[in-house]
Amino acid sequence: IRIADRRTDSENTMRAFFLDASGKRLEAERVGPANFDPRRRP
């Protein structure tokens, strides 16, 4: 799951977390700059 929420995040970051096959959320998480802007995609 990748989420970038510019409404509440002034630092413009994107965080990613993961679910296993049963839907359980794993502890691993990735945080980085939200360089992707969907509004520019075709």
Full PDB file with SEQRES, HELIX, SHEET, SSBOND, CRYST1, ORIGX, SCALE, CONECT and MASTER records, all heavy atoms in Angstrom:
SEQRES   1 A   42  ILE ARG ILE ALA ASP ARG ARG THR ASP SER GLU ASN THR          
SEQRES   2 A   42  MET ARG ALA PHE PHE LEU ASP ALA SER GLY LYS ARG LEU          
SEQRES   3 A   42  GLU ALA GLU ARG VAL GLY PRO ALA ASN PHE ASP PRO ARG          
SEQRES   4 A   42  ARG ARG PRO                                                  
HELIX    1 AA1 PRO A   38  ARG A   40  5                                   3    
SHEET    1 AA1 2 THR A  13  LEU A  19  0                                        
SHEET    2 AA1 2 ARG A  25  PRO A  33 -1                                        
CRYST1    1.000    1.000    1.000  90.00  90.00  90.00 P 1           1          
ORIGX1      1.000000  0.000000  0.000000        0.00000                         
ORIGX2      0.000000  1.000000  0.000000        0.00000                         
ORIGX3      0.000000  0.000000  1.000000        0.00000                         
SCALE1      1.000000  0.000000  0.000000        0.00000                         
SCALE2      0.000000  1.000000  0.000000        0.00000                         
SCALE3      0.000000  0.000000  1.000000        0.00000                         
ATOM      1  N   ILE A   1       0.859  -1.184   0.000  1.00  0.00           N  
ATOM      2  CA  ILE A   1       0.000   0.000   0.000  1.00  0.00           C  
ATOM      3  C   ILE A   1       0.895   1.233   0.000  1.00  0.00           C  
ATOM      4  O   ILE A   1       1.744   1.398   0.882  1.00  0.00           O  
ATOM      5  CB  ILE A   1      -0.921   0.045   1.235  1.00  0.00           C  
ATOM      6  CG1 ILE A   1      -1.748  -1.250   1.345  1.00  0.00           C  
ATOM      7  CG2 ILE A   1      -1.828   1.261   1.182  1.00  0.00           C  
ATOM      8  CD1 ILE A   1      -2.716  -1.482   0.219  1.00  0.00           C  
ATOM      9  N   ARG A   2       0.710   2.075  -0.994  1.00  0.00           N  
ATOM     10  CA  ARG A   2       1.475   3.329  -1.067  1.00  0.00           C  
ATOM     11  C   ARG A   2       0.502   4.496  -0.893  1.00  0.00           C  
ATOM     12  O   ARG A   2      -0.520   4.559  -1.580  1.00  0.00           O  
ATOM     13  CB  ARG A   2       2.199   3.463  -2.408  1.00  0.00           C  
ATOM     14  CG  ARG A   2       3.172   2.328  -2.710  1.00  0.00           C  
ATOM     15  CD  ARG A   2       4.125   2.712  -3.828  1.00  0.00           C  
ATOM     16  NE  ARG A   2       3.408   3.139  -5.023  1.00  0.00           N  
ATOM     17  CZ  ARG A   2       3.937   3.924  -5.970  1.00  0.00           C  
ATOM     18  NH1 ARG A   2       5.159   4.407  -5.835  1.00  0.00           N  
ATOM     19  NH2 ARG A   2       3.236   4.230  -7.046  1.00  0.00           N  
ATOM     20  N   ILE A   3       0.850   5.414   0.003  1.00  0.00           N  
ATOM     21  CA  ILE A   3      -0.031   6.546   0.288  1.00  0.00           C  
ATOM     22  C   ILE A   3       0.778   7.841   0.326  1.00  0.00           C  
ATOM     23  O   ILE A   3       1.831   7.915   0.964  1.00  0.00           O  
ATOM     24  CB  ILE A   3      -0.764   6.370   1.635  1.00  0.00           C  
ATOM     25  CG1 ILE A   3      -1.730   5.183   1.566  1.00  0.00           C  
ATOM     26  CG2 ILE A   3      -1.531   7.641   2.006  1.00  0.00           C  
ATOM     27  CD1 ILE A   3      -2.433   4.905   2.879  1.00  0.00           C  
ATOM     28  N   ALA A   4       0.274   8.836  -0.368  1.00  0.00           N  
ATOM     29  CA  ALA A   4       0.799  10.200  -0.273  1.00  0.00           C  
ATOM     30  C   ALA A   4      -0.395  11.107  -0.019  1.00  0.00           C  
ATOM     31  O   ALA A   4      -1.297  11.187  -0.851  1.00  0.00           O  
ATOM     32  CB  ALA A   4       1.524  10.604  -1.556  1.00  0.00           C  
ATOM     33  N   ASP A   5      -0.406  11.754   1.132  1.00  0.00           N  
ATOM     34  CA  ASP A   5      -1.540  12.600   1.525  1.00  0.00           C  
ATOM     35  C   ASP A   5      -1.047  14.034   1.691  1.00  0.00           C  
ATOM     36  O   ASP A   5      -0.512  14.412   2.722  1.00  0.00           O  
ATOM     37  CB  ASP A   5      -2.157  12.098   2.823  1.00  0.00           C  
ATOM     38  CG  ASP A   5      -3.517  12.746   3.099  1.00  0.00           C  
ATOM     39  OD1 ASP A   5      -3.845  13.745   2.426  1.00  0.00           O  
ATOM     40  OD2 ASP A   5      -4.241  12.247   3.979  1.00  0.00           O  
ATOM     41  N   ARG A   6      -1.217  14.826   0.657  1.00  0.00           N  
ATOM     42  CA  ARG A   6      -0.730  16.201   0.682  1.00  0.00           C  
ATOM     43  C   ARG A   6      -1.614  17.120   1.517  1.00  0.00           C  
ATOM     44  O   ARG A   6      -1.249  18.266   1.775  1.00  0.00           O  
ATOM     45  CB  ARG A   6      -0.599  16.730  -0.746  1.00  0.00           C  
ATOM     46  CG  ARG A   6       0.515  16.049  -1.533  1.00  0.00           C  
ATOM     47  CD  ARG A   6       0.724  16.688  -2.900  1.00  0.00           C  
ATOM     48  NE  ARG A   6       1.948  16.216  -3.530  1.00  0.00           N  
ATOM     49  CZ  ARG A   6       2.041  15.152  -4.322  1.00  0.00           C  
ATOM     50  NH1 ARG A   6       0.949  14.449  -4.570  1.00  0.00           N  
ATOM     51  NH2 ARG A   6       3.190  14.783  -4.853  1.00  0.00           N  
ATOM     52  N   ARG A   7      -2.769  16.634   1.935  1.00  0.00           N  
ATOM     53  CA  ARG A   7      -3.661  17.452   2.757  1.00  0.00           C  
ATOM     54  C   ARG A   7      -3.142  17.556   4.194  1.00  0.00           C  
ATOM     55  O   ARG A   7      -3.375  18.567   4.862  1.00  0.00           O  
ATOM     56  CB  ARG A   7      -5.067  16.843   2.771  1.00  0.00           C  
ATOM     57  CG  ARG A   7      -5.646  16.607   1.384  1.00  0.00           C  
ATOM     58  CD  ARG A   7      -7.033  15.996   1.458  1.00  0.00           C  
ATOM     59  NE  ARG A   7      -7.481  15.514   0.152  1.00  0.00           N  
ATOM     60  CZ  ARG A   7      -8.692  15.036  -0.094  1.00  0.00           C  
ATOM     61  NH1 ARG A   7      -9.574  14.965   0.875  1.00  0.00           N  
ATOM     62  NH2 ARG A   7      -9.017  14.613  -1.303  1.00  0.00           N  
ATOM     63  N   THR A   8      -2.483  16.512   4.654  1.00  0.00           N  
ATOM     64  CA  THR A   8      -2.015  16.490   6.042  1.00  0.00           C  
ATOM     65  C   THR A   8      -0.503  16.422   6.166  1.00  0.00           C  
ATOM     66  O   THR A   8       0.023  16.507   7.271  1.00  0.00           O  
ATOM     67  CB  THR A   8      -2.626  15.273   6.783  1.00  0.00           C  
ATOM     68  OG1 THR A   8      -2.228  14.072   6.108  1.00  0.00           O  
ATOM     69  CG2 THR A   8      -4.141  15.360   6.788  1.00  0.00           C  
ATOM     70  N   ASP A   9       0.190  16.245   5.049  1.00  0.00           N  
ATOM     71  CA  ASP A   9       1.644  16.086   5.086  1.00  0.00           C  
ATOM     72  C   ASP A   9       2.310  17.262   4.388  1.00  0.00           C  
ATOM     73  O   ASP A   9       2.355  17.334   3.165  1.00  0.00           O  
ATOM     74  CB  ASP A   9       2.041  14.771   4.405  1.00  0.00           C  
ATOM     75  CG  ASP A   9       3.530  14.495   4.502  1.00  0.00           C  
ATOM     76  OD1 ASP A   9       4.236  15.273   5.173  1.00  0.00           O  
ATOM     77  OD2 ASP A   9       3.981  13.505   3.909  1.00  0.00           O  
ATOM     78  N   SER A  10       2.861  18.176   5.180  1.00  0.00           N  
ATOM     79  CA  SER A  10       3.506  19.363   4.616  1.00  0.00           C  
ATOM     80  C   SER A  10       4.873  19.041   4.020  1.00  0.00           C  
ATOM     81  O   SER A  10       5.409  19.811   3.224  1.00  0.00           O  
ATOM     82  CB  SER A  10       3.662  20.444   5.699  1.00  0.00           C  
ATOM     83  OG  SER A  10       4.443  19.954   6.776  1.00  0.00           O  
ATOM     84  N   GLU A  11       5.454  17.888   4.385  1.00  0.00           N  
ATOM     85  CA  GLU A  11       6.773  17.511   3.893  1.00  0.00           C  
ATOM     86  C   GLU A  11       6.712  16.749   2.573  1.00  0.00           C  
ATOM     87  O   GLU A  11       7.749  16.397   2.010  1.00  0.00           O  
ATOM     88  CB  GLU A  11       7.486  16.664   4.948  1.00  0.00           C  
ATOM     89  CG  GLU A  11       7.755  17.422   6.254  1.00  0.00           C  
ATOM     90  CD  GLU A  11       8.496  16.569   7.248  1.00  0.00           C  
ATOM     91  OE1 GLU A  11       8.771  15.381   6.926  1.00  0.00           O  
ATOM     92  OE2 GLU A  11       8.812  17.071   8.340  1.00  0.00           O  
ATOM     93  N   ASN A  12       5.502  16.478   2.100  1.00  0.00           N  
ATOM     94  CA  ASN A  12       5.312  15.831   0.800  1.00  0.00           C  
ATOM     95  C   ASN A  12       6.053  14.492   0.729  1.00  0.00           C  
ATOM     96  O   ASN A  12       6.935  14.285  -0.106  1.00  0.00           O  
ATOM     97  CB  ASN A  12       5.785  16.760  -0.329  1.00  0.00           C  
ATOM     98  CG  ASN A  12       5.323  16.276  -1.696  1.00  0.00           C  
ATOM     99  OD1 ASN A  12       4.297  15.617  -1.821  1.00  0.00           O  
ATOM    100  ND2 ASN A  12       6.104  16.584  -2.722  1.00  0.00           N  
ATOM    101  N   THR A  13       5.684  13.588   1.609  1.00  0.00           N  
ATOM    102  CA  THR A  13       6.312  12.274   1.635  1.00  0.00           C  
ATOM    103  C   THR A  13       5.325  11.194   1.214  1.00  0.00           C  
ATOM    104  O   THR A  13       4.105  11.389   1.248  1.00  0.00           O  
ATOM    105  CB  THR A  13       6.837  11.933   3.044  1.00  0.00           C  
ATOM    106  OG1 THR A  13       5.740  11.979   3.973  1.00  0.00           O  
ATOM    107  CG2 THR A  13       7.908  12.915   3.471  1.00  0.00           C  
ATOM    108  N   MET A  14       5.884  10.066   0.821  1.00  0.00           N  
ATOM    109  CA  MET A  14       5.089   8.903   0.465  1.00  0.00           C  
ATOM    110  C   MET A  14       5.514   7.759   1.382  1.00  0.00           C  
ATOM    111  O   MET A  14       6.706   7.499   1.542  1.00  0.00           O  
ATOM    112  CB  MET A  14       5.324   8.515  -1.000  1.00  0.00           C  
ATOM    113  CG  MET A  14       4.440   7.372  -1.501  1.00  0.00           C  
ATOM    114  SD  MET A  14       5.120   5.722  -1.190  1.00  0.00           S  
ATOM    115  CE  MET A  14       6.598   5.768  -2.180  1.00  0.00           C  
ATOM    116  N   ARG A  15       4.564   7.105   1.998  1.00  0.00           N  
ATOM    117  CA  ARG A  15       4.893   5.963   2.843  1.00  0.00           C  
ATOM    118  C   ARG A  15       4.258   4.709   2.263  1.00  0.00           C  
ATOM    119  O   ARG A  15       3.165   4.759   1.673  1.00  0.00           O  
ATOM    120  CB  ARG A  15       4.428   6.180   4.284  1.00  0.00           C  
ATOM    121  CG  ARG A  15       2.935   6.277   4.494  1.00  0.00           C  
ATOM    122  CD  ARG A  15       2.595   6.653   5.923  1.00  0.00           C  
ATOM    123  NE  ARG A  15       1.160   6.714   6.171  1.00  0.00           N  
ATOM    124  CZ  ARG A  15       0.447   5.694   6.639  1.00  0.00           C  
ATOM    125  NH1 ARG A  15       1.042   4.558   6.933  1.00  0.00           N  
ATOM    126  NH2 ARG A  15      -0.855   5.816   6.841  1.00  0.00           N  
ATOM    127  N   ALA A  16       4.964   3.621   2.423  1.00  0.00           N  
ATOM    128  CA  ALA A  16       4.480   2.339   1.924  1.00  0.00           C  
ATOM    129  C   ALA A  16       4.529   1.317   3.052  1.00  0.00           C  
ATOM    130  O   ALA A  16       5.493   1.264   3.817  1.00  0.00           O  
ATOM    131  CB  ALA A  16       5.331   1.865   0.756  1.00  0.00           C  
ATOM    132  N   PHE A  17       3.466   0.530   3.184  1.00  0.00           N  
ATOM    133  CA  PHE A  17       3.458  -0.582   4.124  1.00  0.00           C  
ATOM    134  C   PHE A  17       2.914  -1.805   3.417  1.00  0.00           C  
ATOM    135  O   PHE A  17       2.451  -1.732   2.271  1.00  0.00           O  
ATOM    136  CB  PHE A  17       2.656  -0.241   5.396  1.00  0.00           C  
ATOM    137  CG  PHE A  17       1.229   0.140   5.168  1.00  0.00           C  
ATOM    138  CD1 PHE A  17       0.224  -0.824   5.138  1.00  0.00           C  
ATOM    139  CD2 PHE A  17       0.872   1.471   4.987  1.00  0.00           C  
ATOM    140  CE1 PHE A  17      -1.110  -0.470   4.932  1.00  0.00           C  
ATOM    141  CE2 PHE A  17      -0.455   1.831   4.779  1.00  0.00           C  
ATOM    142  CZ  PHE A  17      -1.449   0.857   4.755  1.00  0.00           C  
ATOM    143  N   PHE A  18       2.958  -2.952   4.092  1.00  0.00           N  
ATOM    144  CA  PHE A  18       2.716  -4.218   3.400  1.00  0.00           C  
ATOM    145  C   PHE A  18       1.739  -5.096   4.186  1.00  0.00           C  
ATOM    146  O   PHE A  18       1.682  -5.062   5.412  1.00  0.00           O  
ATOM    147  CB  PHE A  18       4.034  -4.968   3.201  1.00  0.00           C  
ATOM    148  CG  PHE A  18       5.076  -4.153   2.495  1.00  0.00           C  
ATOM    149  CD1 PHE A  18       5.976  -3.371   3.223  1.00  0.00           C  
ATOM    150  CD2 PHE A  18       5.153  -4.141   1.120  1.00  0.00           C  
ATOM    151  CE1 PHE A  18       6.936  -2.622   2.582  1.00  0.00           C  
ATOM    152  CE2 PHE A  18       6.112  -3.391   0.468  1.00  0.00           C  
ATOM    153  CZ  PHE A  18       7.002  -2.618   1.200  1.00  0.00           C  
ATOM    154  N   LEU A  19       0.983  -5.901   3.431  1.00  0.00           N  
ATOM    155  CA  LEU A  19       0.056  -6.879   3.994  1.00  0.00           C  
ATOM    156  C   LEU A  19       0.491  -8.274   3.551  1.00  0.00           C  
ATOM    157  O   LEU A  19       0.940  -8.461   2.416  1.00  0.00           O  
ATOM    158  CB  LEU A  19      -1.373  -6.618   3.514  1.00  0.00           C  
ATOM    159  CG  LEU A  19      -1.938  -5.198   3.675  1.00  0.00           C  
ATOM    160  CD1 LEU A  19      -3.333  -5.130   3.075  1.00  0.00           C  
ATOM    161  CD2 LEU A  19      -1.943  -4.765   5.132  1.00  0.00           C  
ATOM    162  N   ASP A  20       0.341  -9.254   4.454  1.00  0.00           N  
ATOM    163  CA  ASP A  20       0.633 -10.622   4.047  1.00  0.00           C  
ATOM    164  C   ASP A  20      -0.586 -11.231   3.369  1.00  0.00           C  
ATOM    165  O   ASP A  20      -1.606 -10.553   3.160  1.00  0.00           O  
ATOM    166  CB  ASP A  20       1.107 -11.458   5.239  1.00  0.00           C  
ATOM    167  CG  ASP A  20       0.031 -11.646   6.304  1.00  0.00           C  
ATOM    168  OD1 ASP A  20      -1.145 -11.326   6.047  1.00  0.00           O  
ATOM    169  OD2 ASP A  20       0.380 -12.120   7.410  1.00  0.00           O  
ATOM    170  N   ALA A  21      -0.522 -12.507   3.032  1.00  0.00           N  
ATOM    171  CA  ALA A  21      -1.599 -13.146   2.278  1.00  0.00           C  
ATOM    172  C   ALA A  21      -2.923 -13.159   3.038  1.00  0.00           C  
ATOM    173  O   ALA A  21      -3.994 -13.191   2.430  1.00  0.00           O  
ATOM    174  CB  ALA A  21      -1.191 -14.569   1.902  1.00  0.00           C  
ATOM    175  N   SER A  22      -2.855 -13.122   4.372  1.00  0.00           N  
ATOM    176  CA  SER A  22      -4.075 -13.138   5.180  1.00  0.00           C  
ATOM    177  C   SER A  22      -4.640 -11.741   5.416  1.00  0.00           C  
ATOM    178  O   SER A  22      -5.707 -11.594   6.010  1.00  0.00           O  
ATOM    179  CB  SER A  22      -3.801 -13.810   6.533  1.00  0.00           C  
ATOM    180  OG  SER A  22      -2.897 -13.031   7.313  1.00  0.00           O  
ATOM    181  N   GLY A  23      -3.926 -10.717   4.969  1.00  0.00           N  
ATOM    182  CA  GLY A  23      -4.378  -9.346   5.163  1.00  0.00           C  
ATOM    183  C   GLY A  23      -3.765  -8.679   6.388  1.00  0.00           C  
ATOM    184  O   GLY A  23      -4.063  -7.511   6.679  1.00  0.00           O  
ATOM    185  N   LYS A  24      -2.904  -9.383   7.106  1.00  0.00           N  
ATOM    186  CA  LYS A  24      -2.270  -8.821   8.296  1.00  0.00           C  
ATOM    187  C   LYS A  24      -1.191  -7.825   7.902  1.00  0.00           C  
ATOM    188  O   LYS A  24      -0.391  -8.075   7.015  1.00  0.00           O  
ATOM    189  CB  LYS A  24      -1.653  -9.935   9.142  1.00  0.00           C  
ATOM    190  CG  LYS A  24      -0.949  -9.438  10.393  1.00  0.00           C  
ATOM    191  CD  LYS A  24      -0.317 -10.594  11.148  1.00  0.00           C  
ATOM    192  CE  LYS A  24       0.456 -10.095  12.369  1.00  0.00           C  
ATOM    193  NZ  LYS A  24       1.093 -11.220  13.103  1.00  0.00           N  
ATOM    194  N   ARG A  25      -1.192  -6.686   8.576  1.00  0.00           N  
ATOM    195  CA  ARG A  25      -0.194  -5.648   8.280  1.00  0.00           C  
ATOM    196  C   ARG A  25       1.150  -6.030   8.883  1.00  0.00           C  
ATOM    197  O   ARG A  25       1.253  -6.391  10.063  1.00  0.00           O  
ATOM    198  CB  ARG A  25      -0.660  -4.299   8.820  1.00  0.00           C  
ATOM    199  CG  ARG A  25       0.304  -3.156   8.521  1.00  0.00           C  
ATOM    200  CD  ARG A  25      -0.338  -1.823   8.799  1.00  0.00           C  
ATOM    201  NE  ARG A  25       0.619  -0.719   8.668  1.00  0.00           N  
ATOM    202  CZ  ARG A  25       0.288   0.567   8.702  1.00  0.00           C  
ATOM    203  NH1 ARG A  25      -0.989   0.901   8.855  1.00  0.00           N  
ATOM    204  NH2 ARG A  25       1.201   1.500   8.566  1.00  0.00           N  
ATOM    205  N   LEU A  26       2.198  -5.943   8.074  1.00  0.00           N  
ATOM    206  CA  LEU A  26       3.545  -6.273   8.522  1.00  0.00           C  
ATOM    207  C   LEU A  26       4.207  -5.046   9.157  1.00  0.00           C  
ATOM    208  O   LEU A  26       3.781  -3.906   8.939  1.00  0.00           O  
ATOM    209  CB  LEU A  26       4.384  -6.769   7.342  1.00  0.00           C  
ATOM    210  CG  LEU A  26       3.808  -7.975   6.575  1.00  0.00           C  
ATOM    211  CD1 LEU A  26       4.686  -8.309   5.384  1.00  0.00           C  
ATOM    212  CD2 LEU A  26       3.672  -9.175   7.497  1.00  0.00           C  
ATOM    213  N   GLU A  27       5.261  -5.287   9.893  1.00  0.00           N  
ATOM    214  CA  GLU A  27       5.939  -4.184  10.576  1.00  0.00           C  
ATOM    215  C   GLU A  27       6.752  -3.327   9.616  1.00  0.00           C  
ATOM    216  O   GLU A  27       6.965  -2.134   9.862  1.00  0.00           O  
ATOM    217  CB  GLU A  27       6.855  -4.738  11.672  1.00  0.00           C  
ATOM    218  CG  GLU A  27       6.103  -5.403  12.823  1.00  0.00           C  
ATOM    219  CD  GLU A  27       7.041  -5.859  13.920  1.00  0.00           C  
ATOM    220  OE1 GLU A  27       8.261  -5.622  13.790  1.00  0.00           O  
ATOM    221  OE2 GLU A  27       6.564  -6.452  14.908  1.00  0.00           O  
ATOM    222  N   ALA A  28       7.234  -3.916   8.539  1.00  0.00           N  
ATOM    223  CA  ALA A  28       8.076  -3.180   7.585  1.00  0.00           C  
ATOM    224  C   ALA A  28       7.332  -1.999   6.986  1.00  0.00           C  
ATOM    225  O   ALA A  28       6.145  -2.091   6.654  1.00  0.00           O  
ATOM    226  CB  ALA A  28       8.549  -4.113   6.478  1.00  0.00           C  
ATOM    227  N   GLU A  29       8.026  -0.883   6.843  1.00  0.00           N  
ATOM    228  CA  GLU A  29       7.430   0.318   6.262  1.00  0.00           C  
ATOM    229  C   GLU A  29       8.510   1.100   5.531  1.00  0.00           C  
ATOM    230  O   GLU A  29       9.670   1.139   5.965  1.00  0.00           O  
ATOM    231  CB  GLU A  29       6.784   1.185   7.342  1.00  0.00           C  
ATOM    232  CG  GLU A  29       6.011   2.382   6.791  1.00  0.00           C  
ATOM    233  CD  GLU A  29       5.171   3.088   7.848  1.00  0.00           C  
ATOM    234  OE1 GLU A  29       4.505   2.371   8.635  1.00  0.00           O  
ATOM    235  OE2 GLU A  29       5.189   4.322   7.886  1.00  0.00           O  
ATOM    236  N   ARG A  30       8.153   1.711   4.414  1.00  0.00           N  
ATOM    237  CA  ARG A  30       9.095   2.514   3.628  1.00  0.00           C  
ATOM    238  C   ARG A  30       8.573   3.950   3.564  1.00  0.00           C  
ATOM    239  O   ARG A  30       7.383   4.178   3.331  1.00  0.00           O  
ATOM    240  CB  ARG A  30       9.230   1.961   2.208  1.00  0.00           C  
ATOM    241  CG  ARG A  30       9.479   0.447   2.135  1.00  0.00           C  
ATOM    242  CD  ARG A  30      10.902   0.092   2.465  1.00  0.00           C  
ATOM    243  NE  ARG A  30      11.132  -1.329   2.281  1.00  0.00           N  
ATOM    244  CZ  ARG A  30      11.172  -2.222   3.266  1.00  0.00           C  
ATOM    245  NH1 ARG A  30      10.993  -1.818   4.527  1.00  0.00           N  
ATOM    246  NH2 ARG A  30      11.395  -3.501   3.005  1.00  0.00           N  
ATOM    247  N   VAL A  31       9.472   4.895   3.771  1.00  0.00           N  
ATOM    248  CA  VAL A  31       9.106   6.311   3.704  1.00  0.00           C  
ATOM    249  C   VAL A  31      10.086   7.019   2.779  1.00  0.00           C  
ATOM    250  O   VAL A  31      11.304   6.825   2.879  1.00  0.00           O  
ATOM    251  CB  VAL A  31       9.133   6.975   5.097  1.00  0.00           C  
ATOM    252  CG1 VAL A  31       8.771   8.454   4.983  1.00  0.00           C  
ATOM    253  CG2 VAL A  31       8.181   6.269   6.053  1.00  0.00           C  
ATOM    254  N   GLY A  32       9.560   7.818   1.876  1.00  0.00           N  
ATOM    255  CA  GLY A  32      10.404   8.543   0.944  1.00  0.00           C  
ATOM    256  C   GLY A  32       9.676   9.725   0.355  1.00  0.00           C  
ATOM    257  O   GLY A  32       8.489   9.951   0.645  1.00  0.00           O  
ATOM    258  N   PRO A  33      10.350  10.514  -0.476  1.00  0.00           N  
ATOM    259  CA  PRO A  33       9.704  11.679  -1.079  1.00  0.00           C  
ATOM    260  C   PRO A  33       8.619  11.266  -2.063  1.00  0.00           C  
ATOM    261  O   PRO A  33       8.760  10.278  -2.780  1.00  0.00           O  
ATOM    262  CB  PRO A  33      10.864  12.378  -1.800  1.00  0.00           C  
ATOM    263  CG  PRO A  33      11.864  11.295  -2.054  1.00  0.00           C  
ATOM    264  CD  PRO A  33      11.763  10.365  -0.887  1.00  0.00           C  
ATOM    265  N   ALA A  34       7.537  12.014  -2.064  1.00  0.00           N  
ATOM    266  CA  ALA A  34       6.421  11.745  -2.987  1.00  0.00           C  
ATOM    267  C   ALA A  34       6.678  12.474  -4.298  1.00  0.00           C  
ATOM    268  O   ALA A  34       6.093  13.528  -4.581  1.00  0.00           O  
ATOM    269  CB  ALA A  34       5.103  12.176  -2.360  1.00  0.00           C  
ATOM    270  N   ASN A  35       7.560  11.895  -5.114  1.00  0.00           N  
ATOM    271  CA  ASN A  35       7.914  12.535  -6.383  1.00  0.00           C  
ATOM    272  C   ASN A  35       6.873  12.317  -7.462  1.00  0.00           C  
ATOM    273  O   ASN A  35       6.882  12.988  -8.493  1.00  0.00           O  
ATOM    274  CB  ASN A  35       9.264  11.986  -6.864  1.00  0.00           C  
ATOM    275  CG  ASN A  35      10.389  12.309  -5.904  1.00  0.00           C  
ATOM    276  OD1 ASN A  35      10.406  13.376  -5.292  1.00  0.00           O  
ATOM    277  ND2 ASN A  35      11.340  11.387  -5.759  1.00  0.00           N  
ATOM    278  N   PHE A  36       5.984  11.373  -7.234  1.00  0.00           N  
ATOM    279  CA  PHE A  36       4.979  11.036  -8.241  1.00  0.00           C  
ATOM    280  C   PHE A  36       3.749  11.912  -8.077  1.00  0.00           C  
ATOM    281  O   PHE A  36       3.229  12.080  -6.972  1.00  0.00           O  
ATOM    282  CB  PHE A  36       4.588   9.564  -8.095  1.00  0.00           C  
ATOM    283  CG  PHE A  36       3.561   9.106  -9.083  1.00  0.00           C  
ATOM    284  CD1 PHE A  36       3.919   8.779 -10.371  1.00  0.00           C  
ATOM    285  CD2 PHE A  36       2.229   9.008  -8.714  1.00  0.00           C  
ATOM    286  CE1 PHE A  36       2.965   8.355 -11.285  1.00  0.00           C  
ATOM    287  CE2 PHE A  36       1.271   8.580  -9.611  1.00  0.00           C  
ATOM    288  CZ  PHE A  36       1.643   8.247 -10.895  1.00  0.00           C  
ATOM    289  N   ASP A  37       3.284  12.477  -9.185  1.00  0.00           N  
ATOM    290  CA  ASP A  37       2.065  13.291  -9.186  1.00  0.00           C  
ATOM    291  C   ASP A  37       1.079  12.678 -10.178  1.00  0.00           C  
ATOM    292  O   ASP A  37       1.288  12.757 -11.396  1.00  0.00           O  
ATOM    293  CB  ASP A  37       2.374  14.738  -9.578  1.00  0.00           C  
ATOM    294  CG  ASP A  37       1.184  15.669  -9.385  1.00  0.00           C  
ATOM    295  OD1 ASP A  37       0.044  15.166  -9.314  1.00  0.00           O  
ATOM    296  OD2 ASP A  37       1.388  16.896  -9.303  1.00  0.00           O  
ATOM    297  N   PRO A  38       0.018  12.042  -9.694  1.00  0.00           N  
ATOM    298  CA  PRO A  38      -0.911  11.365 -10.604  1.00  0.00           C  
ATOM    299  C   PRO A  38      -1.579  12.298 -11.613  1.00  0.00           C  
ATOM    300  O   PRO A  38      -2.007  11.864 -12.681  1.00  0.00           O  
ATOM    301  CB  PRO A  38      -1.947  10.746  -9.647  1.00  0.00           C  
ATOM    302  CG  PRO A  38      -1.864  11.569  -8.401  1.00  0.00           C  
ATOM    303  CD  PRO A  38      -0.422  11.962  -8.288  1.00  0.00           C  
ATOM    304  N   ARG A  39      -1.673  13.565 -11.275  1.00  0.00           N  
ATOM    305  CA  ARG A  39      -2.354  14.509 -12.166  1.00  0.00           C  
ATOM    306  C   ARG A  39      -1.632  14.697 -13.484  1.00  0.00           C  
ATOM    307  O   ARG A  39      -2.203  15.195 -14.461  1.00  0.00           O  
ATOM    308  CB  ARG A  39      -2.504  15.858 -11.457  1.00  0.00           C  
ATOM    309  CG  ARG A  39      -3.372  15.802 -10.206  1.00  0.00           C  
ATOM    310  CD  ARG A  39      -3.286  17.088  -9.410  1.00  0.00           C  
ATOM    311  NE  ARG A  39      -1.923  17.326  -8.918  1.00  0.00           N  
ATOM    312  CZ  ARG A  39      -1.582  18.354  -8.150  1.00  0.00           C  
ATOM    313  NH1 ARG A  39      -2.497  19.238  -7.793  1.00  0.00           N  
ATOM    314  NH2 ARG A  39      -0.332  18.495  -7.740  1.00  0.00           N  
ATOM    315  N   ARG A  40      -0.372  14.301 -13.549  1.00  0.00           N  
ATOM    316  CA  ARG A  40       0.424  14.455 -14.769  1.00  0.00           C  
ATOM    317  C   ARG A  40       0.445  13.202 -15.623  1.00  0.00           C  
ATOM    318  O   ARG A  40       1.078  13.189 -16.680  1.00  0.00           O  
ATOM    319  CB  ARG A  40       1.860  14.837 -14.401  1.00  0.00           C  
ATOM    320  CG  ARG A  40       1.961  16.166 -13.655  1.00  0.00           C  
ATOM    321  CD  ARG A  40       3.404  16.478 -13.301  1.00  0.00           C  
ATOM    322  NE  ARG A  40       3.511  17.735 -12.573  1.00  0.00           N  
ATOM    323  CZ  ARG A  40       4.670  18.239 -12.102  1.00  0.00           C  
ATOM    324  NH1 ARG A  40       5.789  17.565 -12.294  1.00  0.00           N  
ATOM    325  NH2 ARG A  40       4.675  19.379 -11.450  1.00  0.00           N  
ATOM    326  N   ARG A  41      -0.211  12.165 -15.166  1.00  0.00           N  
ATOM    327  CA  ARG A  41      -0.230  10.915 -15.913  1.00  0.00           C  
ATOM    328  C   ARG A  41      -1.369  10.901 -16.929  1.00  0.00           C  
ATOM    329  O   ARG A  41      -2.434  11.475 -16.695  1.00  0.00           O  
ATOM    330  CB  ARG A  41      -0.372   9.723 -14.959  1.00  0.00           C  
ATOM    331  CG  ARG A  41       0.761   9.614 -13.965  1.00  0.00           C  
ATOM    332  CD  ARG A  41       2.092   9.456 -14.664  1.00  0.00           C  
ATOM    333  NE  ARG A  41       2.194   8.150 -15.301  1.00  0.00           N  
ATOM    334  CZ  ARG A  41       3.171   7.803 -16.121  1.00  0.00           C  
ATOM    335  NH1 ARG A  41       4.108   8.664 -16.453  1.00  0.00           N  
ATOM    336  NH2 ARG A  41       3.208   6.598 -16.641  1.00  0.00           N  
ATOM    337  N   PRO A  42      -1.157  10.243 -18.077  1.00  0.00           N  
ATOM    338  CA  PRO A  42      -2.191  10.238 -19.134  1.00  0.00           C  
ATOM    339  C   PRO A  42      -3.503   9.614 -18.690  1.00  0.00           C  
ATOM    340  O   PRO A  42      -4.569  10.063 -19.104  1.00  0.00           O  
ATOM    341  CB  PRO A  42      -1.535   9.436 -20.266  1.00  0.00           C  
ATOM    342  CG  PRO A  42      -0.444   8.644 -19.601  1.00  0.00           C  
ATOM    343  CD  PRO A  42       0.052   9.493 -18.489  1.00  0.00           C  
TER     344      PRO A  42                                                      
MASTER        0    0    0    1    2    0    0    6  343    1    0    4          
END                                                                             
